[in-house]
Amino acid sequence: MTHAATDSVQDARHRFFGIDFVGTDHVFRLNRKRVEAFSGVAEDLFRHLEEGRVEQYRREIYARRSTWPRDVWAPRWNGPVSIHPDGSVLAMRLLRD
């Protein structure tokens, strides 16, 4: 059993609401506007997956499932952020041309 994040490229890092995330980002155009999307996993949880400690990952996400920030806007990122109960994140923001 593997988590989808273990195969992902970890070429980007961001900190949202005091939590470090690793993952990947993409820049694309949407309605002629440049948009950046970042997807990743909380770094400490990702390390469990990376090292094959799936049961430790499961225990920790279960224990933390109701502790993730509920904010949906990250001021420093300047865009919406969604953190899921499994420790994964999706963040988007408009970029200036």
Protein backbone atom coordinates (compact mmCIF):
# COMPACT_ATOMS: atom_id res chain seq x y z
CA MET A 1 0.00 0.00 0.00
CA THR A 2 1.51 3.34 -1.00
CA HIS A 3 0.30 6.89 -0.70
CA ALA A 4 0.10 8.89 -3.93
CA ALA A 5 2.46 11.51 -2.50
CA THR A 6 5.39 9.10 -2.28
CA ASP A 7 5.81 9.17 -6.05
CA SER A 8 5.42 12.92 -6.41
CA VAL A 9 8.23 15.28 -7.20
CA GLN A 10 9.22 17.38 -4.21
CA ASP A 11 10.64 20.39 -5.93
CA ALA A 12 8.84 23.04 -3.89
CA ARG A 13 8.35 23.94 -0.24
CA HIS A 14 5.87 26.30 1.32
CA ARG A 15 4.83 27.17 4.84
CA PHE A 16 1.12 27.67 5.49
CA PHE A 17 -0.27 28.53 8.92
CA GLY A 18 3.01 27.56 10.57
CA ILE A 19 3.21 24.11 8.90
CA ASP A 20 5.93 23.15 6.41
CA PHE A 21 4.76 21.37 3.27
CA VAL A 22 6.75 19.69 0.49
CA GLY A 23 5.42 18.99 -2.95
CA THR A 24 5.34 20.44 -6.39
CA ASP A 25 4.05 23.58 -8.01
CA HIS A 26 2.75 24.43 -11.45
CA VAL A 27 2.23 27.72 -13.23
CA PHE A 28 -0.46 27.92 -15.88
CA ARG A 29 -2.85 30.38 -17.49
CA LEU A 30 -6.50 30.57 -16.56
CA ASN A 31 -8.63 33.16 -18.38
CA ARG A 32 -5.42 34.91 -19.48
CA LYS A 33 -4.17 35.20 -15.89
CA ARG A 34 -1.07 33.41 -14.65
CA VAL A 35 -1.91 31.10 -11.75
CA GLU A 36 0.37 29.10 -9.46
CA ALA A 37 -0.88 25.90 -7.88
CA PHE A 38 1.02 24.09 -5.14
CA SER A 39 0.14 20.60 -3.99
CA GLY A 40 1.95 18.71 -1.30
CA VAL A 41 1.95 17.00 2.06
CA ALA A 42 2.98 18.18 5.51
CA GLU A 43 6.73 17.58 5.55
CA ASP A 44 6.83 15.54 8.75
CA LEU A 45 4.09 13.23 7.44
CA PHE A 46 5.76 12.96 4.06
CA ARG A 47 8.96 11.75 5.73
CA HIS A 48 7.02 8.85 7.26
CA LEU A 49 5.76 7.88 3.81
CA GLU A 50 9.17 8.36 2.23
CA GLU A 51 10.71 5.99 4.77
CA GLY A 52 7.93 3.41 4.39
CA ARG A 53 6.43 4.10 7.83
CA VAL A 54 2.85 3.88 6.59
CA GLU A 55 1.39 2.80 9.93
CA GLN A 56 3.09 5.75 11.69
CA TYR A 57 1.64 8.05 9.02
CA ARG A 58 -1.83 6.58 9.57
CA ARG A 59 -1.60 6.95 13.35
CA GLU A 60 -0.51 10.56 13.05
CA ILE A 61 -3.14 11.63 10.54
CA TYR A 62 -5.80 9.98 12.68
CA ALA A 63 -4.56 11.81 15.79
CA ARG A 64 -4.30 15.14 13.93
CA ARG A 65 -7.42 14.89 11.75
CA SER A 66 -9.29 17.61 13.64
CA THR A 67 -6.29 19.85 14.40
CA TRP A 68 -5.52 21.17 10.91
CA PRO A 69 -6.06 24.90 10.39
CA ARG A 70 -9.50 25.78 9.10
CA ASP A 71 -8.43 29.06 7.52
CA VAL A 72 -8.97 29.15 3.78
CA TRP A 73 -6.85 32.20 2.94
CA ALA A 74 -3.12 32.51 3.55
CA PRO A 75 -2.16 36.20 3.59
CA ARG A 76 1.57 35.67 2.91
CA TRP A 77 0.74 33.29 0.04
CA ASN A 78 -2.00 35.69 -1.09
CA GLY A 79 -4.42 32.99 -2.11
CA PRO A 80 -6.72 30.18 -1.01
CA VAL A 81 -5.29 27.15 0.77
CA SER A 82 -7.06 23.87 1.46
CA ILE A 83 -5.53 21.47 3.98
CA HIS A 84 -7.14 18.03 4.03
CA PRO A 85 -7.41 15.69 7.04
CA ASP A 86 -4.68 13.45 5.58
CA GLY A 87 -2.12 16.26 5.71
CA SER A 88 -2.22 17.08 2.02
CA VAL A 89 -2.57 20.65 0.78
CA LEU A 90 -3.67 22.47 -2.34
CA ALA A 91 -2.94 26.18 -2.65
CA MET A 92 -3.52 28.56 -5.54
CA ARG A 93 -2.69 32.18 -6.23
CA LEU A 94 -2.66 34.67 -9.06
CA LEU A 95 0.77 35.76 -10.29
CA ARG A 96 1.63 39.15 -11.62
CA ASP A 97 2.64 39.28 -15.26
